[in-house]
Amino acid sequence: MTTTDTQPCEFTPNERAYIRSELDQVFSTFPTVADGIQLRTWRTGARKDQPKLPPAAQSLLARDRLRLDTSGRMPRLFFTAAGLSALRRMFADKRLADPQKFAHVRRELGIDLRGLADAAE
């Protein structure tokens, strides 16, 4: 029995969809967990230059699975230690994230070490 069999995923379906969409390949670029999730900012109005937070991101922030970093040019969300643990469990479960489509994330999280030897050669 693996940990995914005994522990349910901590993320809601909307949060899982948000995470998968943010970590999915964009054109020919594979995003990394370490680089965080880049956010857009409000351009006008009372919230000008503040980050736009989708509902799933707000939920993850409220539950301390993500933290907001506004120190750079663009605001980013980074996974906390608890968020990384939950993320590993999510990506280890093949029902929640396609192992082939998210092989880059699985390698980064240490779930699937195949391919690392090929990259080192």
C-alpha atoms as a PDB file:
ATOM      1  CA  MET A   1       0.000   0.000   0.000  1.00  0.00           C
ATOM      2  CA  THR A   2       1.385   3.440  -0.911  1.00  0.00           C
ATOM      3  CA  THR A   3       0.812   6.745   0.833  1.00  0.00           C
ATOM      4  CA  THR A   4      -1.609   7.749  -1.898  1.00  0.00           C
ATOM      5  CA  ASP A   5      -3.801   4.771  -0.994  1.00  0.00           C
ATOM      6  CA  THR A   6      -3.965   5.689   2.689  1.00  0.00           C
ATOM      7  CA  GLN A   7      -4.052   9.488   2.535  1.00  0.00           C
ATOM      8  CA  PRO A   8      -6.607  11.369   0.487  1.00  0.00           C
ATOM      9  CA  CYS A   9      -5.448  14.289  -1.618  1.00  0.00           C
ATOM     10  CA  GLU A  10      -5.460  17.510   0.394  1.00  0.00           C
ATOM     11  CA  PHE A  11      -6.380  19.630  -2.622  1.00  0.00           C
ATOM     12  CA  THR A  12      -9.947  20.252  -3.744  1.00  0.00           C
ATOM     13  CA  PRO A  13     -10.877  19.455  -7.365  1.00  0.00           C
ATOM     14  CA  ASN A  14     -10.683  23.180  -8.257  1.00  0.00           C
ATOM     15  CA  GLU A  15      -7.272  23.509  -6.615  1.00  0.00           C
ATOM     16  CA  ARG A  16      -5.991  20.422  -8.443  1.00  0.00           C
ATOM     17  CA  ALA A  17      -7.220  21.824 -11.769  1.00  0.00           C
ATOM     18  CA  TYR A  18      -5.513  25.159 -11.023  1.00  0.00           C
ATOM     19  CA  ILE A  19      -2.216  23.464 -10.077  1.00  0.00           C
ATOM     20  CA  ARG A  20      -2.281  21.235 -13.156  1.00  0.00           C
ATOM     21  CA  SER A  21      -2.991  24.194 -15.444  1.00  0.00           C
ATOM     22  CA  GLU A  22      -0.147  26.244 -13.947  1.00  0.00           C
ATOM     23  CA  LEU A  23       2.391  23.398 -14.099  1.00  0.00           C
ATOM     24  CA  ASP A  24       1.399  22.153 -17.556  1.00  0.00           C
ATOM     25  CA  GLN A  25       3.642  22.723 -20.565  1.00  0.00           C
ATOM     26  CA  VAL A  26       3.191  26.154 -22.171  1.00  0.00           C
ATOM     27  CA  PHE A  27       4.201  26.086 -25.835  1.00  0.00           C
ATOM     28  CA  SER A  28       7.658  24.478 -25.552  1.00  0.00           C
ATOM     29  CA  THR A  29       8.357  25.540 -21.963  1.00  0.00           C
ATOM     30  CA  PHE A  30       8.043  23.257 -18.953  1.00  0.00           C
ATOM     31  CA  PRO A  31       7.284  25.305 -15.819  1.00  0.00           C
ATOM     32  CA  THR A  32       8.983  24.309 -12.588  1.00  0.00           C
ATOM     33  CA  VAL A  33       7.652  24.165  -9.057  1.00  0.00           C
ATOM     34  CA  ALA A  34      10.769  25.979  -7.827  1.00  0.00           C
ATOM     35  CA  ASP A  35      10.047  29.011 -10.045  1.00  0.00           C
ATOM     36  CA  GLY A  36       6.612  29.402  -8.504  1.00  0.00           C
ATOM     37  CA  ILE A  37       3.362  30.433 -10.135  1.00  0.00           C
ATOM     38  CA  GLN A  38       3.477  33.851 -11.744  1.00  0.00           C
ATOM     39  CA  LEU A  39       0.472  36.075 -11.137  1.00  0.00           C
ATOM     40  CA  ARG A  40      -0.960  38.942 -13.115  1.00  0.00           C
ATOM     41  CA  THR A  41      -1.563  42.295 -11.455  1.00  0.00           C
ATOM     42  CA  TRP A  42      -4.412  44.771 -11.549  1.00  0.00           C
ATOM     43  CA  ARG A  43      -3.597  47.549 -14.011  1.00  0.00           C
ATOM     44  CA  THR A  44      -6.128  50.157 -12.870  1.00  0.00           C
ATOM     45  CA  GLY A  45      -8.539  50.933 -10.076  1.00  0.00           C
ATOM     46  CA  ALA A  46      -8.280  50.681  -6.313  1.00  0.00           C
ATOM     47  CA  ARG A  47      -6.188  47.495  -6.507  1.00  0.00           C
ATOM     48  CA  LYS A  48      -3.676  48.825  -9.069  1.00  0.00           C
ATOM     49  CA  ASP A  49      -0.398  46.827  -9.047  1.00  0.00           C
ATOM     50  CA  GLN A  50      -1.768  44.268  -6.573  1.00  0.00           C
ATOM     51  CA  PRO A  51      -1.728  40.579  -7.573  1.00  0.00           C
ATOM     52  CA  LYS A  52      -4.811  39.006  -9.109  1.00  0.00           C
ATOM     53  CA  LEU A  53      -5.535  35.880  -7.090  1.00  0.00           C
ATOM     54  CA  PRO A  54      -7.802  33.227  -8.616  1.00  0.00           C
ATOM     55  CA  PRO A  55     -10.234  31.598  -6.133  1.00  0.00           C
ATOM     56  CA  ALA A  56      -8.201  28.368  -6.023  1.00  0.00           C
ATOM     57  CA  ALA A  57      -5.047  30.329  -5.189  1.00  0.00           C
ATOM     58  CA  GLN A  58      -6.893  32.229  -2.449  1.00  0.00           C
ATOM     59  CA  SER A  59      -8.001  28.930  -0.945  1.00  0.00           C
ATOM     60  CA  LEU A  60      -4.468  27.511  -1.041  1.00  0.00           C
ATOM     61  CA  LEU A  61      -3.086  30.688   0.560  1.00  0.00           C
ATOM     62  CA  ALA A  62      -5.712  30.576   3.310  1.00  0.00           C
ATOM     63  CA  ARG A  63      -4.758  26.974   4.114  1.00  0.00           C
ATOM     64  CA  ASP A  64      -1.001  27.753   4.084  1.00  0.00           C
ATOM     65  CA  ARG A  65      -0.265  25.537   1.081  1.00  0.00           C
ATOM     66  CA  LEU A  66       1.048  28.521  -0.881  1.00  0.00           C
ATOM     67  CA  ARG A  67       2.776  31.739   0.086  1.00  0.00           C
ATOM     68  CA  LEU A  68       2.709  35.002  -1.841  1.00  0.00           C
ATOM     69  CA  ASP A  69       6.017  36.673  -2.759  1.00  0.00           C
ATOM     70  CA  THR A  70       5.741  40.246  -4.022  1.00  0.00           C
ATOM     71  CA  SER A  71       9.441  41.125  -3.722  1.00  0.00           C
ATOM     72  CA  GLY A  72      10.216  40.511  -7.417  1.00  0.00           C
ATOM     73  CA  ARG A  73       9.112  42.321 -10.539  1.00  0.00           C
ATOM     74  CA  MET A  74       6.075  40.051 -10.889  1.00  0.00           C
ATOM     75  CA  PRO A  75       4.252  38.552  -7.888  1.00  0.00           C
ATOM     76  CA  ARG A  76       4.579  34.784  -7.544  1.00  0.00           C
ATOM     77  CA  LEU A  77       3.090  32.009  -5.481  1.00  0.00           C
ATOM     78  CA  PHE A  78       5.401  29.407  -3.952  1.00  0.00           C
ATOM     79  CA  PHE A  79       4.468  26.152  -2.273  1.00  0.00           C
ATOM     80  CA  THR A  80       5.097  25.959   1.478  1.00  0.00           C
ATOM     81  CA  ALA A  81       6.585  22.816   3.054  1.00  0.00           C
ATOM     82  CA  ALA A  82       3.074  21.482   3.711  1.00  0.00           C
ATOM     83  CA  GLY A  83       2.076  22.417   0.169  1.00  0.00           C
ATOM     84  CA  LEU A  84       5.062  20.577  -1.304  1.00  0.00           C
ATOM     85  CA  SER A  85       4.190  17.446   0.675  1.00  0.00           C
ATOM     86  CA  ALA A  86       0.618  17.575  -0.593  1.00  0.00           C
ATOM     87  CA  LEU A  87       1.868  18.299  -4.121  1.00  0.00           C
ATOM     88  CA  ARG A  88       4.116  15.211  -4.031  1.00  0.00           C
ATOM     89  CA  ARG A  89       1.167  13.068  -2.959  1.00  0.00           C
ATOM     90  CA  MET A  90      -1.004  14.543  -5.700  1.00  0.00           C
ATOM     91  CA  PHE A  91       1.522  13.969  -8.494  1.00  0.00           C
ATOM     92  CA  ALA A  92       2.372  10.488  -7.190  1.00  0.00           C
ATOM     93  CA  ASP A  93      -1.267   9.488  -7.701  1.00  0.00           C
ATOM     94  CA  LYS A  94      -1.667   8.668 -11.396  1.00  0.00           C
ATOM     95  CA  ARG A  95      -5.410   9.288 -11.172  1.00  0.00           C
ATOM     96  CA  LEU A  96      -4.868  12.944 -10.209  1.00  0.00           C
ATOM     97  CA  ALA A  97      -2.066  13.872 -12.619  1.00  0.00           C
ATOM     98  CA  ASP A  98      -1.057  12.132 -15.856  1.00  0.00           C
ATOM     99  CA  PRO A  99       2.481  10.746 -15.287  1.00  0.00           C
ATOM    100  CA  GLN A 100       3.516  11.303 -18.916  1.00  0.00           C
ATOM    101  CA  LYS A 101       2.114  14.800 -19.247  1.00  0.00           C
ATOM    102  CA  PHE A 102       3.635  15.895 -15.926  1.00  0.00           C
ATOM    103  CA  ALA A 103       6.877  13.902 -16.078  1.00  0.00           C
ATOM    104  CA  HIS A 104       8.827  17.154 -15.663  1.00  0.00           C
ATOM    105  CA  VAL A 105       7.056  17.890 -12.363  1.00  0.00           C
ATOM    106  CA  ARG A 106       7.378  14.294 -11.140  1.00  0.00           C
ATOM    107  CA  ARG A 107      11.153  14.397 -11.776  1.00  0.00           C
ATOM    108  CA  GLU A 108      11.495  17.757 -10.005  1.00  0.00           C
ATOM    109  CA  LEU A 109       9.585  16.456  -6.985  1.00  0.00           C
ATOM    110  CA  GLY A 110      11.679  13.265  -6.866  1.00  0.00           C
ATOM    111  CA  ILE A 111       8.735  10.978  -7.649  1.00  0.00           C
ATOM    112  CA  ASP A 112      10.017   9.668 -10.973  1.00  0.00           C
ATOM    113  CA  LEU A 113      13.780   9.526 -11.172  1.00  0.00           C
ATOM    114  CA  ARG A 114      13.776   7.984 -14.640  1.00  0.00           C
ATOM    115  CA  GLY A 115      15.067  10.485 -17.123  1.00  0.00           C
ATOM    116  CA  LEU A 116      17.441  12.121 -14.654  1.00  0.00           C
ATOM    117  CA  ALA A 117      20.160   9.642 -15.575  1.00  0.00           C
ATOM    118  CA  ASP A 118      19.522  10.392 -19.258  1.00  0.00           C
ATOM    119  CA  ALA A 119      19.790  14.131 -18.615  1.00  0.00           C
ATOM    120  CA  ALA A 120      23.065  13.702 -16.712  1.00  0.00           C
ATOM    121  CA  GLU A 121      24.758  11.866 -19.592  1.00  0.00           C
END
